Amino acid sequence: MNKKLREELDGLRFGGQEDVLRRTHPRSWRDRLRGLWNKELEIPVVPLGLSFAVILAVVAASQLRSPEDDGDAASGDPRQLIEVGGNTYWKDDYERAVASIESDGQG
């Protein structure tokens, strides 16, 4: 069997020994930098896909929030948005501005 294998492989010759040695055992800084540049990156698909899905869910949840949810729940200050004249204002800020304009007009 060994003899038959040698006969079949007799015509094949490997001529890239120097190139293989240069790649596997770099001697110069240039060869080392080339090896670093040609390094393959393996990116795991499952964690990458999972992180993408989490980011997508967070963005979607923030887009679906209603304006009533914008209040400060920790302090119990549920601010409301109102629309006046085609513009949107916080209700308390609008009432304060209107009251200050009315008080300036009377004085």
PDB file of N, CA and C in Angstrom:
ATOM      1  N   MET A   1       0.823  -1.175   0.000  1.00  0.00           N
ATOM      2  CA  MET A   1       0.000   0.000   0.000  1.00  0.00           C
ATOM      3  C   MET A   1       0.877   1.252   0.000  1.00  0.00           C
ATOM      4  N   ASN A   2       1.913   1.225   0.777  1.00  0.00           N
ATOM      5  CA  ASN A   2       2.838   2.352   0.827  1.00  0.00           C
ATOM      6  C   ASN A   2       3.474   2.579  -0.536  1.00  0.00           C
ATOM      7  N   LYS A   3       3.829   1.490  -1.208  1.00  0.00           N
ATOM      8  CA  LYS A   3       4.458   1.579  -2.522  1.00  0.00           C
ATOM      9  C   LYS A   3       3.502   2.197  -3.542  1.00  0.00           C
ATOM     10  N   LYS A   4       2.247   1.822  -3.486  1.00  0.00           N
ATOM     11  CA  LYS A   4       1.246   2.362  -4.404  1.00  0.00           C
ATOM     12  C   LYS A   4       1.026   3.845  -4.148  1.00  0.00           C
ATOM     13  N   LEU A   5       0.992   4.252  -2.891  1.00  0.00           N
ATOM     14  CA  LEU A   5       0.839   5.660  -2.538  1.00  0.00           C
ATOM     15  C   LEU A   5       2.015   6.478  -3.059  1.00  0.00           C
ATOM     16  N   ARG A   6       3.215   5.985  -2.893  1.00  0.00           N
ATOM     17  CA  ARG A   6       4.404   6.684  -3.387  1.00  0.00           C
ATOM     18  C   ARG A   6       4.374   6.834  -4.904  1.00  0.00           C
ATOM     19  N   GLU A   7       3.893   5.815  -5.594  1.00  0.00           N
ATOM     20  CA  GLU A   7       3.806   5.882  -7.048  1.00  0.00           C
ATOM     21  C   GLU A   7       2.797   6.949  -7.492  1.00  0.00           C
ATOM     22  N   GLU A   8       1.670   7.033  -6.785  1.00  0.00           N
ATOM     23  CA  GLU A   8       0.638   8.004  -7.147  1.00  0.00           C
ATOM     24  C   GLU A   8       1.082   9.428  -6.851  1.00  0.00           C
ATOM     25  N   LEU A   9       1.814   9.618  -5.776  1.00  0.00           N
ATOM     26  CA  LEU A   9       2.234  10.960  -5.376  1.00  0.00           C
ATOM     27  C   LEU A   9       3.609  11.333  -5.919  1.00  0.00           C
ATOM     28  N   ASP A  10       4.215  10.498  -6.732  1.00  0.00           N
ATOM     29  CA  ASP A  10       5.557  10.738  -7.246  1.00  0.00           C
ATOM     30  C   ASP A  10       5.633  11.998  -8.113  1.00  0.00           C
ATOM     31  N   GLY A  11       4.586  12.304  -8.845  1.00  0.00           N
ATOM     32  CA  GLY A  11       4.593  13.469  -9.732  1.00  0.00           C
ATOM     33  C   GLY A  11       4.316  14.792  -9.023  1.00  0.00           C
ATOM     34  N   LEU A  12       3.869  14.743  -7.780  1.00  0.00           N
ATOM     35  CA  LEU A  12       3.546  15.965  -7.051  1.00  0.00           C
ATOM     36  C   LEU A  12       4.763  16.457  -6.277  1.00  0.00           C
ATOM     37  N   ARG A  13       5.045  17.758  -6.431  1.00  0.00           N
ATOM     38  CA  ARG A  13       6.145  18.378  -5.689  1.00  0.00           C
ATOM     39  C   ARG A  13       5.645  19.661  -5.047  1.00  0.00           C
ATOM     40  N   PHE A  14       6.015  19.886  -3.828  1.00  0.00           N
ATOM     41  CA  PHE A  14       5.635  21.102  -3.096  1.00  0.00           C
ATOM     42  C   PHE A  14       6.774  22.093  -3.223  1.00  0.00           C
ATOM     43  N   GLY A  15       6.461  23.269  -3.796  1.00  0.00           N
ATOM     44  CA  GLY A  15       7.521  24.237  -4.023  1.00  0.00           C
ATOM     45  C   GLY A  15       7.361  25.517  -3.222  1.00  0.00           C
ATOM     46  N   GLY A  16       6.469  25.573  -2.267  1.00  0.00           N
ATOM     47  CA  GLY A  16       6.240  26.818  -1.519  1.00  0.00           C
ATOM     48  C   GLY A  16       6.761  26.779  -0.104  1.00  0.00           C
ATOM     49  N   GLN A  17       7.847  26.051   0.142  1.00  0.00           N
ATOM     50  CA  GLN A  17       8.347  25.917   1.506  1.00  0.00           C
ATOM     51  C   GLN A  17       8.745  27.275   2.096  1.00  0.00           C
ATOM     52  N   GLU A  18       9.438  28.096   1.310  1.00  0.00           N
ATOM     53  CA  GLU A  18       9.925  29.377   1.832  1.00  0.00           C
ATOM     54  C   GLU A  18       8.769  30.304   2.172  1.00  0.00           C
ATOM     55  N   ASP A  19       7.750  30.315   1.334  1.00  0.00           N
ATOM     56  CA  ASP A  19       6.593  31.172   1.593  1.00  0.00           C
ATOM     57  C   ASP A  19       5.854  30.725   2.852  1.00  0.00           C
ATOM     58  N   VAL A  20       5.712  29.420   3.014  1.00  0.00           N
ATOM     59  CA  VAL A  20       5.029  28.895   4.206  1.00  0.00           C
ATOM     60  C   VAL A  20       5.835  29.218   5.460  1.00  0.00           C
ATOM     61  N   LEU A  21       7.143  29.046   5.412  1.00  0.00           N
ATOM     62  CA  LEU A  21       7.982  29.364   6.568  1.00  0.00           C
ATOM     63  C   LEU A  21       7.940  30.852   6.900  1.00  0.00           C
ATOM     64  N   ARG A  22       7.922  31.691   5.876  1.00  0.00           N
ATOM     65  CA  ARG A  22       7.867  33.141   6.107  1.00  0.00           C
ATOM     66  C   ARG A  22       6.542  33.523   6.775  1.00  0.00           C
ATOM     67  N   ARG A  23       5.447  32.857   6.385  1.00  0.00           N
ATOM     68  CA  ARG A  23       4.144  33.172   6.977  1.00  0.00           C
ATOM     69  C   ARG A  23       4.006  32.622   8.395  1.00  0.00           C
ATOM     70  N   THR A  24       4.503  31.422   8.622  1.00  0.00           N
ATOM     71  CA  THR A  24       4.332  30.797   9.943  1.00  0.00           C
ATOM     72  C   THR A  24       5.366  31.257  10.952  1.00  0.00           C
ATOM     73  N   HIS A  25       6.560  31.637  10.495  1.00  0.00           N
ATOM     74  CA  HIS A  25       7.624  32.102  11.387  1.00  0.00           C
ATOM     75  C   HIS A  25       8.206  33.406  10.833  1.00  0.00           C
ATOM     76  N   PRO A  26       7.470  34.520  10.993  1.00  0.00           N
ATOM     77  CA  PRO A  26       7.944  35.777  10.411  1.00  0.00           C
ATOM     78  C   PRO A  26       9.239  36.237  11.079  1.00  0.00           C
ATOM     79  N   ARG A  27      10.159  36.711  10.251  1.00  0.00           N
ATOM     80  CA  ARG A  27      11.452  37.167  10.764  1.00  0.00           C
ATOM     81  C   ARG A  27      11.523  38.686  10.819  1.00  0.00           C
ATOM     82  N   SER A  28      10.929  39.378   9.877  1.00  0.00           N
ATOM     83  CA  SER A  28      11.031  40.833   9.836  1.00  0.00           C
ATOM     84  C   SER A  28       9.740  41.462  10.368  1.00  0.00           C
ATOM     85  N   TRP A  29       9.840  42.752  10.678  1.00  0.00           N
ATOM     86  CA  TRP A  29       8.664  43.484  11.153  1.00  0.00           C
ATOM     87  C   TRP A  29       7.602  43.564  10.058  1.00  0.00           C
ATOM     88  N   ARG A  30       8.033  43.655   8.831  1.00  0.00           N
ATOM     89  CA  ARG A  30       7.104  43.714   7.709  1.00  0.00           C
ATOM     90  C   ARG A  30       6.268  42.435   7.627  1.00  0.00           C
ATOM     91  N   ASP A  31       6.909  41.298   7.796  1.00  0.00           N
ATOM     92  CA  ASP A  31       6.181  40.022   7.764  1.00  0.00           C
ATOM     93  C   ASP A  31       5.227  39.903   8.952  1.00  0.00           C
ATOM     94  N   ARG A  32       5.649  40.406  10.105  1.00  0.00           N
ATOM     95  CA  ARG A  32       4.779  40.356  11.292  1.00  0.00           C
ATOM     96  C   ARG A  32       3.561  41.251  11.106  1.00  0.00           C
ATOM     97  N   LEU A  33       3.772  42.449  10.536  1.00  0.00           N
ATOM     98  CA  LEU A  33       2.638  43.334  10.282  1.00  0.00           C
ATOM     99  C   LEU A  33       1.697  42.748   9.238  1.00  0.00           C
ATOM    100  N   ARG A  34       2.256  42.116   8.227  1.00  0.00           N
ATOM    101  CA  ARG A  34       1.429  41.467   7.208  1.00  0.00           C
ATOM    102  C   ARG A  34       0.598  40.354   7.840  1.00  0.00           C
ATOM    103  N   GLY A  35       1.182  39.606   8.753  1.00  0.00           N
ATOM    104  CA  GLY A  35       0.437  38.545   9.432  1.00  0.00           C
ATOM    105  C   GLY A  35      -0.680  39.108  10.299  1.00  0.00           C
ATOM    106  N   LEU A  36      -0.411  40.249  10.958  1.00  0.00           N
ATOM    107  CA  LEU A  36      -1.441  40.883  11.779  1.00  0.00           C
ATOM    108  C   LEU A  36      -2.563  41.420  10.900  1.00  0.00           C
ATOM    109  N   TRP A  37      -2.205  42.017   9.768  1.00  0.00           N
ATOM    110  CA  TRP A  37      -3.197  42.575   8.850  1.00  0.00           C
ATOM    111  C   TRP A  37      -4.085  41.483   8.259  1.00  0.00           C
ATOM    112  N   ASN A  38      -3.535  40.327   7.990  1.00  0.00           N
ATOM    113  CA  ASN A  38      -4.281  39.249   7.360  1.00  0.00           C
ATOM    114  C   ASN A  38      -4.989  38.337   8.358  1.00  0.00           C
ATOM    115  N   LYS A  39      -5.016  38.726   9.621  1.00  0.00           N
ATOM    116  CA  LYS A  39      -5.656  37.899  10.641  1.00  0.00           C
ATOM    117  C   LYS A  39      -7.162  37.845  10.388  1.00  0.00           C
ATOM    118  N   GLU A  40      -7.727  36.678  10.515  1.00  0.00           N
ATOM    119  CA  GLU A  40      -9.151  36.499  10.305  1.00  0.00           C
ATOM    120  C   GLU A  40      -9.904  36.784  11.596  1.00  0.00           C
ATOM    121  N   LEU A  41     -11.028  37.463  11.469  1.00  0.00           N
ATOM    122  CA  LEU A  41     -11.885  37.743  12.608  1.00  0.00           C
ATOM    123  C   LEU A  41     -13.069  36.790  12.574  1.00  0.00           C
ATOM    124  N   GLU A  42     -13.384  36.240  13.711  1.00  0.00           N
ATOM    125  CA  GLU A  42     -14.555  35.383  13.822  1.00  0.00           C
ATOM    126  C   GLU A  42     -15.569  36.102  14.687  1.00  0.00           C
ATOM    127  N   ILE A  43     -16.697  36.429  14.104  1.00  0.00           N
ATOM    128  CA  ILE A  43     -17.749  37.131  14.832  1.00  0.00           C
ATOM    129  C   ILE A  43     -18.882  36.140  15.062  1.00  0.00           C
ATOM    130  N   PRO A  44     -19.185  35.852  16.326  1.00  0.00           N
ATOM    131  CA  PRO A  44     -20.263  34.904  16.602  1.00  0.00           C
ATOM    132  C   PRO A  44     -21.619  35.501  16.212  1.00  0.00           C
ATOM    133  N   VAL A  45     -22.408  34.742  15.501  1.00  0.00           N
ATOM    134  CA  VAL A  45     -23.659  35.233  14.947  1.00  0.00           C
ATOM    135  C   VAL A  45     -24.743  35.371  16.014  1.00  0.00           C
ATOM    136  N   VAL A  46     -24.818  34.448  16.935  1.00  0.00           N
ATOM    137  CA  VAL A  46     -25.901  34.469  17.921  1.00  0.00           C
ATOM    138  C   VAL A  46     -25.806  35.693  18.836  1.00  0.00           C
ATOM    139  N   PRO A  47     -24.652  35.988  19.475  1.00  0.00           N
ATOM    140  CA  PRO A  47     -24.602  37.192  20.309  1.00  0.00           C
ATOM    141  C   PRO A  47     -24.787  38.484  19.506  1.00  0.00           C
ATOM    142  N   LEU A  48     -24.274  38.522  18.299  1.00  0.00           N
ATOM    143  CA  LEU A  48     -24.441  39.704  17.457  1.00  0.00           C
ATOM    144  C   LEU A  48     -25.913  39.905  17.113  1.00  0.00           C
ATOM    145  N   GLY A  49     -26.590  38.849  16.746  1.00  0.00           N
ATOM    146  CA  GLY A  49     -28.014  38.938  16.429  1.00  0.00           C
ATOM    147  C   GLY A  49     -28.849  39.294  17.642  1.00  0.00           C
ATOM    148  N   LEU A  50     -28.486  38.746  18.792  1.00  0.00           N
ATOM    149  CA  LEU A  50     -29.214  39.033  20.020  1.00  0.00           C
ATOM    150  C   LEU A  50     -29.056  40.498  20.410  1.00  0.00           C
ATOM    151  N   SER A  51     -27.842  41.026  20.313  1.00  0.00           N
ATOM    152  CA  SER A  51     -27.633  42.433  20.656  1.00  0.00           C
ATOM    153  C   SER A  51     -28.380  43.338  19.680  1.00  0.00           C
ATOM    154  N   PHE A  52     -28.410  42.976  18.405  1.00  0.00           N
ATOM    155  CA  PHE A  52     -29.171  43.750  17.430  1.00  0.00           C
ATOM    156  C   PHE A  52     -30.658  43.732  17.774  1.00  0.00           C
ATOM    157  N   ALA A  53     -31.179  42.580  18.176  1.00  0.00           N
ATOM    158  CA  ALA A  53     -32.594  42.462  18.526  1.00  0.00           C
ATOM    159  C   ALA A  53     -32.930  43.291  19.761  1.00  0.00           C
ATOM    160  N   VAL A  54     -32.037  43.328  20.744  1.00  0.00           N
ATOM    161  CA  VAL A  54     -32.275  44.121  21.954  1.00  0.00           C
ATOM    162  C   VAL A  54     -32.297  45.605  21.611  1.00  0.00           C
ATOM    163  N   ILE A  55     -31.348  46.051  20.796  1.00  0.00           N
ATOM    164  CA  ILE A  55     -31.316  47.458  20.403  1.00  0.00           C
ATOM    165  C   ILE A  55     -32.576  47.823  19.623  1.00  0.00           C
ATOM    166  N   LEU A  56     -32.992  46.951  18.743  1.00  0.00           N
ATOM    167  CA  LEU A  56     -34.201  47.190  17.960  1.00  0.00           C
ATOM    168  C   LEU A  56     -35.431  47.264  18.867  1.00  0.00           C
ATOM    169  N   ALA A  57     -35.502  46.408  19.873  1.00  0.00           N
ATOM    170  CA  ALA A  57     -36.637  46.421  20.802  1.00  0.00           C
ATOM    171  C   ALA A  57     -36.660  47.706  21.623  1.00  0.00           C
ATOM    172  N   VAL A  58     -35.489  48.175  22.051  1.00  0.00           N
ATOM    173  CA  VAL A  58     -35.431  49.413  22.835  1.00  0.00           C
ATOM    174  C   VAL A  58     -35.871  50.599  21.988  1.00  0.00           C
ATOM    175  N   VAL A  59     -35.408  50.650  20.750  1.00  0.00           N
ATOM    176  CA  VAL A  59     -35.798  51.749  19.861  1.00  0.00           C
ATOM    177  C   VAL A  59     -37.296  51.702  19.582  1.00  0.00           C
ATOM    178  N   ALA A  60     -37.815  50.520  19.326  1.00  0.00           N
ATOM    179  CA  ALA A  60     -39.246  50.383  19.050  1.00  0.00           C
ATOM    180  C   ALA A  60     -40.074  50.775  20.271  1.00  0.00           C
ATOM    181  N   ALA A  61     -39.638  50.398  21.454  1.00  0.00           N
ATOM    182  CA  ALA A  61     -40.373  50.739  22.673  1.00  0.00           C
ATOM    183  C   ALA A  61     -40.354  52.245  22.909  1.00  0.00           C
ATOM    184  N   SER A  62     -39.248  52.896  22.617  1.00  0.00           N
ATOM    185  CA  SER A  62     -39.188  54.344  22.820  1.00  0.00           C
ATOM    186  C   SER A  62     -40.035  55.076  21.792  1.00  0.00           C
ATOM    187  N   GLN A  63     -40.200  54.518  20.601  1.00  0.00           N
ATOM    188  CA  GLN A  63     -41.038  55.140  19.577  1.00  0.00           C
ATOM    189  C   GLN A  63     -42.524  54.953  19.882  1.00  0.00           C
ATOM    190  N   LEU A  64     -42.876  53.895  20.581  1.00  0.00           N
ATOM    191  CA  LEU A  64     -44.279  53.605  20.858  1.00  0.00           C
ATOM    192  C   LEU A  64     -44.800  54.290  22.119  1.00  0.00           C
ATOM    193  N   ARG A  65     -43.909  54.940  22.858  1.00  0.00           N
ATOM    194  CA  ARG A  65     -44.355  55.615  24.078  1.00  0.00           C
ATOM    195  C   ARG A  65     -45.319  56.738  23.747  1.00  0.00           C
ATOM    196  N   SER A  66     -46.368  56.879  24.527  1.00  0.00           N
ATOM    197  CA  SER A  66     -47.324  57.953  24.286  1.00  0.00           C
ATOM    198  C   SER A  66     -46.862  59.219  25.003  1.00  0.00           C
ATOM    199  N   PRO A  67     -47.345  60.399  24.594  1.00  0.00           N
ATOM    200  CA  PRO A  67     -46.925  61.646  25.248  1.00  0.00           C
ATOM    201  C   PRO A  67     -47.298  61.707  26.720  1.00  0.00           C
ATOM    202  N   GLU A  68     -48.334  60.987  27.139  1.00  0.00           N
ATOM    203  CA  GLU A  68     -48.711  60.997  28.551  1.00  0.00           C
ATOM    204  C   GLU A  68     -47.657  60.326  29.421  1.00  0.00           C
ATOM    205  N   ASP A  69     -46.835  59.467  28.828  1.00  0.00           N
ATOM    206  CA  ASP A  69     -45.810  58.750  29.569  1.00  0.00           C
ATOM    207  C   ASP A  69     -44.583  59.615  29.835  1.00  0.00           C
ATOM    208  N   ASP A  70     -44.540  60.838  29.314  1.00  0.00           N
ATOM    209  CA  ASP A  70     -43.361  61.677  29.461  1.00  0.00           C
ATOM    210  C   ASP A  70     -43.272  62.345  30.820  1.00  0.00           C
ATOM    211  N   GLY A  71     -44.244  62.159  31.691  1.00  0.00           N
ATOM    212  CA  GLY A  71     -44.210  62.772  33.003  1.00  0.00           C
ATOM    213  C   GLY A  71     -43.156  62.147  33.889  1.00  0.00           C
ATOM    214  N   ASP A  72     -42.832  62.845  34.966  1.00  0.00           N
ATOM    215  CA  ASP A  72     -41.839  62.360  35.906  1.00  0.00           C
ATOM    216  C   ASP A  72     -42.551  61.485  36.927  1.00  0.00           C
ATOM    217  N   ALA A  73     -42.531  60.188  36.721  1.00  0.00           N
ATOM    218  CA  ALA A  73     -43.284  59.256  37.567  1.00  0.00           C
ATOM    219  C   ALA A  73     -42.712  59.188  38.975  1.00  0.00           C
ATOM    220  N   ALA A  74     -41.420  59.433  39.148  1.00  0.00           N
ATOM    221  CA  ALA A  74     -40.800  59.327  40.466  1.00  0.00           C
ATOM    222  C   ALA A  74     -41.296  60.426  41.396  1.00  0.00           C
ATOM    223  N   SER A  75     -41.511  61.639  40.884  1.00  0.00           N
ATOM    224  CA  SER A  75     -41.948  62.741  41.739  1.00  0.00           C
ATOM    225  C   SER A  75     -43.462  62.902  41.731  1.00  0.00           C
ATOM    226  N   GLY A  76     -44.182  62.104  40.959  1.00  0.00           N
ATOM    227  CA  GLY A  76     -45.630  62.196  40.905  1.00  0.00           C
ATOM    228  C   GLY A  76     -46.098  63.389  40.091  1.00  0.00           C
ATOM    229  N   ASP A  77     -45.283  63.895  39.169  1.00  0.00           N
ATOM    230  CA  ASP A  77     -45.608  65.062  38.363  1.00  0.00           C
ATOM    231  C   ASP A  77     -45.941  64.622  36.943  1.00  0.00           C
ATOM    232  N   PRO A  78     -47.202  64.227  36.703  1.00  0.00           N
ATOM    233  CA  PRO A  78     -47.554  63.794  35.346  1.00  0.00           C
ATOM    234  C   PRO A  78     -47.812  65.014  34.464  1.00  0.00           C
ATOM    235  N   ARG A  79     -46.809  65.447  33.726  1.00  0.00           N
ATOM    236  CA  ARG A  79     -46.944  66.609  32.851  1.00  0.00           C
ATOM    237  C   ARG A  79     -47.751  66.212  31.627  1.00  0.00           C
ATOM    238  N   GLN A  80     -48.540  67.150  31.166  1.00  0.00           N
ATOM    239  CA  GLN A  80     -49.375  66.894  29.999  1.00  0.00           C
ATOM    240  C   GLN A  80     -48.952  67.805  28.861  1.00  0.00           C
ATOM    241  N   LEU A  81     -49.018  67.257  27.660  1.00  0.00           N
ATOM    242  CA  LEU A  81     -48.756  68.053  26.465  1.00  0.00           C
ATOM    243  C   LEU A  81     -50.084  68.538  25.915  1.00  0.00           C
ATOM    244  N   ILE A  82     -50.130  69.824  25.527  1.00  0.00           N
ATOM    245  CA  ILE A  82     -51.331  70.352  24.893  1.00  0.00           C
ATOM    246  C   ILE A  82     -50.930  70.980  23.566  1.00  0.00           C
ATOM    247  N   GLU A  83     -51.893  71.037  22.657  1.00  0.00           N
ATOM    248  CA  GLU A  83     -51.630  71.627  21.345  1.00  0.00           C
ATOM    249  C   GLU A  83     -52.460  72.895  21.223  1.00  0.00           C
ATOM    250  N   VAL A  84     -51.770  74.003  20.982  1.00  0.00           N
ATOM    251  CA  VAL A  84     -52.434  75.297  20.843  1.00  0.00           C
ATOM    252  C   VAL A  84     -51.891  75.974  19.593  1.00  0.00           C
ATOM    253  N   GLY A  85     -52.769  76.345  18.704  1.00  0.00           N
ATOM    254  CA  GLY A  85     -52.363  77.056  17.492  1.00  0.00           C
ATOM    255  C   GLY A  85     -51.416  76.260  16.611  1.00  0.00           C
ATOM    256  N   GLY A  86     -51.510  74.951  16.622  1.00  0.00           N
ATOM    257  CA  GLY A  86     -50.647  74.104  15.802  1.00  0.00           C
ATOM    258  C   GLY A  86     -49.308  73.808  16.450  1.00  0.00           C
ATOM    259  N   ASN A  87     -49.060  74.314  17.661  1.00  0.00           N
ATOM    260  CA  ASN A  87     -47.813  74.051  18.384  1.00  0.00           C
ATOM    261  C   ASN A  87     -48.100  73.231  19.621  1.00  0.00           C
ATOM    262  N   THR A  88     -47.119  72.488  20.094  1.00  0.00           N
ATOM    263  CA  THR A  88     -47.278  71.626  21.254  1.00  0.00           C
ATOM    264  C   THR A  88     -46.486  72.204  22.421  1.00  0.00           C
ATOM    265  N   TYR A  89     -47.153  72.327  23.579  1.00  0.00           N
ATOM    266  CA  TYR A  89     -46.527  72.901  24.775  1.00  0.00           C
ATOM    267  C   TYR A  89     -46.803  72.007  25.968  1.00  0.00           C
ATOM    268  N   TRP A  90     -45.940  72.118  26.998  1.00  0.00           N
ATOM    269  CA  TRP A  90     -46.269  71.525  28.282  1.00  0.00           C
ATOM    270  C   TRP A  90     -47.387  72.372  28.885  1.00  0.00           C
ATOM    271  N   LYS A  91     -48.391  71.729  29.454  1.00  0.00           N
ATOM    272  CA  LYS A  91     -49.569  72.447  29.947  1.00  0.00           C
ATOM    273  C   LYS A  91     -49.208  73.449  31.043  1.00  0.00           C
ATOM    274  N   ASP A  92     -48.386  73.047  31.990  1.00  0.00           N
ATOM    275  CA  ASP A  92     -48.035  73.960  33.080  1.00  0.00           C
ATOM    276  C   ASP A  92     -47.199  75.139  32.591  1.00  0.00           C
ATOM    277  N   ASP A  93     -46.303  74.934  31.653  1.00  0.00           N
ATOM    278  CA  ASP A  93     -45.516  76.036  31.097  1.00  0.00           C
ATOM    279  C   ASP A  93     -46.408  77.004  30.321  1.00  0.00           C
ATOM    280  N   TYR A  94     -47.349  76.466  29.581  1.00  0.00           N
ATOM    281  CA  TYR A  94     -48.258  77.298  28.804  1.00  0.00           C
ATOM    282  C   TYR A  94     -49.126  78.150  29.715  1.00  0.00           C
ATOM    283  N   GLU A  95     -49.682  77.540  30.763  1.00  0.00           N
ATOM    284  CA  GLU A  95     -50.531  78.287  31.691  1.00  0.00           C
ATOM    285  C   GLU A  95     -49.741  79.384  32.398  1.00  0.00           C
ATOM    286  N   ARG A  96     -48.484  79.095  32.750  1.00  0.00           N
ATOM    287  CA  ARG A  96     -47.626  80.089  33.383  1.00  0.00           C
ATOM    288  C   ARG A  96     -47.345  81.259  32.431  1.00  0.00           C
ATOM    289  N   ALA A  97     -47.066  80.944  31.161  1.00  0.00           N
ATOM    290  CA  ALA A  97     -46.779  81.997  30.178  1.00  0.00           C
ATOM    291  C   ALA A  97     -48.014  82.843  29.927  1.00  0.00           C
ATOM    292  N   VAL A  98     -49.180  82.219  29.810  1.00  0.00           N
ATOM    293  CA  VAL A  98     -50.423  82.964  29.589  1.00  0.00           C
ATOM    294  C   VAL A  98     -50.721  83.839  30.798  1.00  0.00           C
ATOM    295  N   ALA A  99     -50.541  83.306  31.997  1.00  0.00           N
ATOM    296  CA  ALA A  99     -50.806  84.108  33.210  1.00  0.00           C
ATOM    297  C   ALA A  99     -49.865  85.293  33.288  1.00  0.00           C
ATOM    298  N   SER A 100     -48.595  85.115  32.906  1.00  0.00           N
ATOM    299  CA  SER A 100     -47.663  86.240  32.972  1.00  0.00           C
ATOM    300  C   SER A 100     -47.994  87.301  31.924  1.00  0.00           C
ATOM    301  N   ILE A 101     -48.482  86.892  30.745  1.00  0.00           N
ATOM    302  CA  ILE A 101     -48.864  87.853  29.714  1.00  0.00           C
ATOM    303  C   ILE A 101     -50.120  88.597  30.157  1.00  0.00           C
ATOM    304  N   GLU A 102     -51.089  87.916  30.763  1.00  0.00           N
ATOM    305  CA  GLU A 102     -52.325  88.557  31.224  1.00  0.00           C
ATOM    306  C   GLU A 102     -52.040  89.546  32.350  1.00  0.00           C
ATOM    307  N   SER A 103     -51.106  89.177  33.245  1.00  0.00           N
ATOM    308  CA  SER A 103     -50.795  90.095  34.354  1.00  0.00           C
ATOM    309  C   SER A 103     -50.038  91.326  33.864  1.00  0.00           C
ATOM    310  N   ASP A 104     -49.224  91.197  32.820  1.00  0.00           N
ATOM    311  CA  ASP A 104     -48.495  92.330  32.257  1.00  0.00           C
ATOM    312  C   ASP A 104     -49.455  93.266  31.522  1.00  0.00           C
ATOM    313  N   GLY A 105     -50.477  92.736  30.904  1.00  0.00           N
ATOM    314  CA  GLY A 105     -51.441  93.542  30.148  1.00  0.00           C
ATOM    315  C   GLY A 105     -52.361  94.347  31.073  1.00  0.00           C
ATOM    316  N   GLN A 106     -52.598  93.889  32.294  1.00  0.00           N
ATOM    317  CA  GLN A 106     -53.498  94.581  33.219  1.00  0.00           C
ATOM    318  C   GLN A 106     -52.760  95.692  33.968  1.00  0.00           C
ATOM    319  N   GLY A 107     -51.467  95.604  34.086  1.00  0.00           N
ATOM    320  CA  GLY A 107     -50.720  96.540  34.912  1.00  0.00           C
ATOM    321  C   GLY A 107     -50.256  97.676  34.174  1.00  0.00           C
TER     322      GLY A 107
END
